[in-house]
N, C-alpha and C. Protein backbone atom coordinates (compact mmCIF):
# COMPACT_ATOMS: atom_id res chain seq x y z
N MET A 1 0.16 19.77 -24.78
CA MET A 1 -0.19 18.39 -24.72
C MET A 1 0.26 17.34 -24.00
N LYS A 2 -0.51 16.37 -23.23
CA LYS A 2 0.19 15.55 -22.56
C LYS A 2 0.75 14.32 -23.33
N LYS A 3 2.14 14.28 -22.50
CA LYS A 3 2.69 13.01 -22.94
C LYS A 3 2.41 11.65 -22.25
N SER A 4 2.53 10.64 -23.60
CA SER A 4 2.33 9.09 -23.07
C SER A 4 3.36 8.63 -22.24
N TYR A 5 2.88 7.77 -21.65
CA TYR A 5 3.77 7.24 -20.74
C TYR A 5 4.76 6.22 -21.32
N ALA A 6 4.37 5.91 -22.85
CA ALA A 6 5.56 5.35 -23.51
C ALA A 6 6.85 6.30 -23.85
N ASP A 7 6.65 7.76 -23.86
CA ASP A 7 7.33 8.76 -24.04
C ASP A 7 8.25 9.35 -22.77
N MET A 8 7.90 8.78 -21.89
CA MET A 8 8.56 9.26 -20.49
C MET A 8 9.76 8.07 -20.52
N ASP A 9 10.76 8.66 -19.32
CA ASP A 9 11.51 7.91 -18.90
C ASP A 9 11.20 7.31 -17.59
N PRO A 10 11.50 6.17 -17.06
CA PRO A 10 10.91 5.40 -16.04
C PRO A 10 10.42 6.60 -14.33
N VAL A 11 11.29 7.02 -14.09
CA VAL A 11 11.28 8.01 -12.95
C VAL A 11 9.85 9.15 -13.26
N GLU A 12 10.16 9.56 -14.63
CA GLU A 12 9.18 10.58 -14.65
C GLU A 12 7.79 9.80 -15.14
N GLU A 13 7.71 8.56 -15.35
CA GLU A 13 6.51 7.95 -15.54
C GLU A 13 5.89 7.80 -14.04
N ILE A 14 6.84 7.27 -12.91
CA ILE A 14 6.37 6.99 -11.91
C ILE A 14 5.37 8.38 -11.32
N ARG A 15 6.31 9.30 -11.46
CA ARG A 15 5.68 10.50 -10.98
C ARG A 15 4.23 11.22 -11.46
N ALA A 16 4.21 10.92 -12.96
CA ALA A 16 3.03 10.80 -13.54
C ALA A 16 1.97 10.09 -13.10
N VAL A 17 2.18 8.94 -12.90
CA VAL A 17 1.08 8.15 -12.31
C VAL A 17 0.76 8.48 -10.90
N ARG A 18 1.66 8.84 -10.12
CA ARG A 18 1.70 9.09 -8.84
C ARG A 18 0.70 10.75 -8.70
N ALA A 19 0.76 11.47 -9.42
CA ALA A 19 0.30 12.77 -9.58
C ALA A 19 -1.40 12.27 -10.21
N GLU A 20 -1.58 11.71 -10.83
CA GLU A 20 -2.80 11.36 -11.24
C GLU A 20 -3.56 10.35 -10.12
N ILE A 21 -2.95 9.47 -9.41
CA ILE A 21 -3.33 8.96 -8.22
C ILE A 21 -3.88 10.03 -7.20
N MET A 22 -2.77 10.94 -7.03
CA MET A 22 -3.26 11.86 -5.86
C MET A 22 -4.19 13.10 -6.20
N ASP A 23 -4.49 13.21 -7.80
CA ASP A 23 -5.32 14.11 -7.94
C ASP A 23 -6.68 13.28 -7.89
N GLU A 24 -6.77 12.16 -7.90
CA GLU A 24 -8.16 11.40 -7.95
C GLU A 24 -8.59 10.98 -6.63
N PHE A 25 -7.68 10.52 -5.69
CA PHE A 25 -8.12 10.52 -4.15
C PHE A 25 -7.13 11.24 -3.45
N LYS A 26 -8.00 12.12 -2.69
CA LYS A 26 -7.28 13.35 -1.89
C LYS A 26 -6.83 12.68 -0.79
N THR A 27 -7.20 11.56 -0.21
CA THR A 27 -6.55 10.75 0.85
C THR A 27 -5.85 9.45 0.95
N LEU A 28 -5.37 8.85 1.66
CA LEU A 28 -5.00 7.51 1.63
C LEU A 28 -6.16 6.59 1.93
N ASP A 29 -7.16 7.40 2.91
CA ASP A 29 -8.36 6.35 3.34
C ASP A 29 -8.95 6.16 1.85
N ALA A 30 -9.34 7.06 0.99
CA ALA A 30 -10.28 6.95 0.06
C ALA A 30 -9.52 6.07 -0.88
N LEU A 31 -8.10 6.17 -1.00
CA LEU A 31 -7.77 5.43 -1.86
C LEU A 31 -7.75 3.64 -1.38
N CYS A 32 -7.54 3.74 -0.07
CA CYS A 32 -7.51 2.22 0.32
C CYS A 32 -9.07 1.84 0.26
N GLU A 33 -10.10 2.44 0.36
CA GLU A 33 -11.36 2.18 0.08
C GLU A 33 -11.84 1.90 -0.95
N TYR A 34 -11.27 2.71 -2.14
CA TYR A 34 -11.38 1.96 -3.38
C TYR A 34 -10.81 0.59 -3.59
N LEU A 35 -9.59 0.65 -3.39
CA LEU A 35 -8.83 -0.71 -3.53
C LEU A 35 -9.62 -1.73 -3.08
N ASN A 36 -9.97 -1.58 -1.71
CA ASN A 36 -10.90 -2.62 -1.03
C ASN A 36 -11.93 -3.01 -1.64
N LYS A 37 -12.73 -2.07 -2.37
CA LYS A 37 -13.94 -2.36 -2.58
C LYS A 37 -13.91 -3.05 -4.06
N HIS A 38 -12.77 -2.80 -4.94
CA HIS A 38 -12.97 -3.41 -6.02
C HIS A 38 -11.69 -4.52 -6.19
N TYR A 39 -11.09 -4.61 -5.42
CA TYR A 39 -9.87 -5.83 -5.51
C TYR A 39 -9.96 -6.47 -3.82
N THR A 40 -11.03 -6.86 -3.78
CA THR A 40 -11.22 -7.54 -2.41
C THR A 40 -11.09 -9.10 -2.60
N LYS A 41 -11.35 -9.67 -3.65
CA LYS A 41 -11.18 -11.05 -4.16
C LYS A 41 -9.57 -11.74 -3.96
N ALA A 42 -8.46 -10.76 -3.88
CA ALA A 42 -7.40 -11.64 -3.95
C ALA A 42 -7.20 -11.61 -2.51
N PRO A 43 -6.54 -12.61 -1.79
CA PRO A 43 -6.00 -12.87 -0.41
C PRO A 43 -5.04 -12.07 -0.20
N VAL A 44 -4.99 -11.33 0.78
CA VAL A 44 -4.14 -10.61 1.21
C VAL A 44 -3.28 -11.37 2.73
N ALA A 45 -1.95 -11.44 2.21
CA ALA A 45 -1.10 -12.51 3.48
C ALA A 45 -0.93 -11.43 4.57
N LYS A 46 -1.01 -12.11 5.44
CA LYS A 46 -0.44 -11.26 6.71
C LYS A 46 1.08 -11.54 6.65
N PRO A 47 1.89 -10.63 7.30
CA PRO A 47 3.35 -10.89 7.47
C PRO A 47 3.28 -11.83 8.70
N LYS A 48 4.65 -12.57 8.54
CA LYS A 48 4.78 -13.27 9.62
C LYS A 48 5.73 -12.47 10.63
N GLU A 49 5.18 -12.69 11.89
CA GLU A 49 6.19 -12.09 12.93
C GLU A 49 7.54 -12.58 12.85
N SER A 50 8.49 -11.85 13.18
CA SER A 50 10.10 -12.54 13.62
C SER A 50 10.00 -13.34 14.63
N LYS A 51 10.83 -14.26 14.47
CA LYS A 51 10.88 -14.86 15.91
C LYS A 51 11.22 -14.10 17.15
N LYS A 52 12.00 -13.29 16.91
CA LYS A 52 12.72 -12.03 18.01
C LYS A 52 11.43 -11.41 18.37
N VAL A 53 10.50 -10.98 17.81
CA VAL A 53 9.10 -9.89 18.07
C VAL A 53 8.19 -10.90 18.87
N SER A 54 8.25 -12.28 18.28
CA SER A 54 7.50 -12.93 19.00
C SER A 54 7.73 -13.43 20.30
N ARG A 55 9.31 -13.55 20.63
CA ARG A 55 9.45 -14.16 21.66
C ARG A 55 9.32 -12.73 22.83
N GLN A 56 9.46 -11.51 22.37
CA GLN A 56 9.28 -10.27 23.04
C GLN A 56 7.93 -10.29 23.50
N ARG A 57 7.02 -10.58 22.65
CA ARG A 57 5.34 -10.40 22.92
C ARG A 57 5.00 -11.37 23.98
N LYS A 58 5.72 -12.88 23.79
CA LYS A 58 5.40 -13.89 24.84
C LYS A 58 6.06 -13.39 26.20
N ALA A 59 7.29 -12.43 26.42
CA ALA A 59 7.72 -12.36 27.49
C ALA A 59 7.15 -10.95 28.24
N THR A 60 6.54 -10.46 27.47
CA THR A 60 5.82 -8.99 27.88
C THR A 60 4.42 -9.29 28.51
N LYS A 61 3.82 -10.47 28.02
CA LYS A 61 2.42 -10.80 28.77
C LYS A 61 2.40 -11.46 30.26
N HIS A 62 1.47 -10.60 30.95
CA HIS A 62 1.05 -10.63 32.23
C HIS A 62 0.42 -11.77 32.37
N PRO A 63 0.76 -12.78 33.46
CA PRO A 63 -0.40 -13.83 33.93
C PRO A 63 -1.29 -13.19 34.30
N SER A 64 -2.58 -14.21 34.01
CA SER A 64 -4.03 -13.47 34.34
C SER A 64 -4.22 -14.39 35.82
């Protein structure tokens, strides 16, 4: 008989959820496609670049 999540310790619960996700979605692309299809209404913020990365990009641009 399968244990319920309430009967599991936190690490065991995470492993069980991960296993269920891996059984349903064989590839990461399939999981991403599902999430994008069903949860696209929430805006996803793009991570800001650090100032160091921003400066490096400006320094490596070639003048046209």
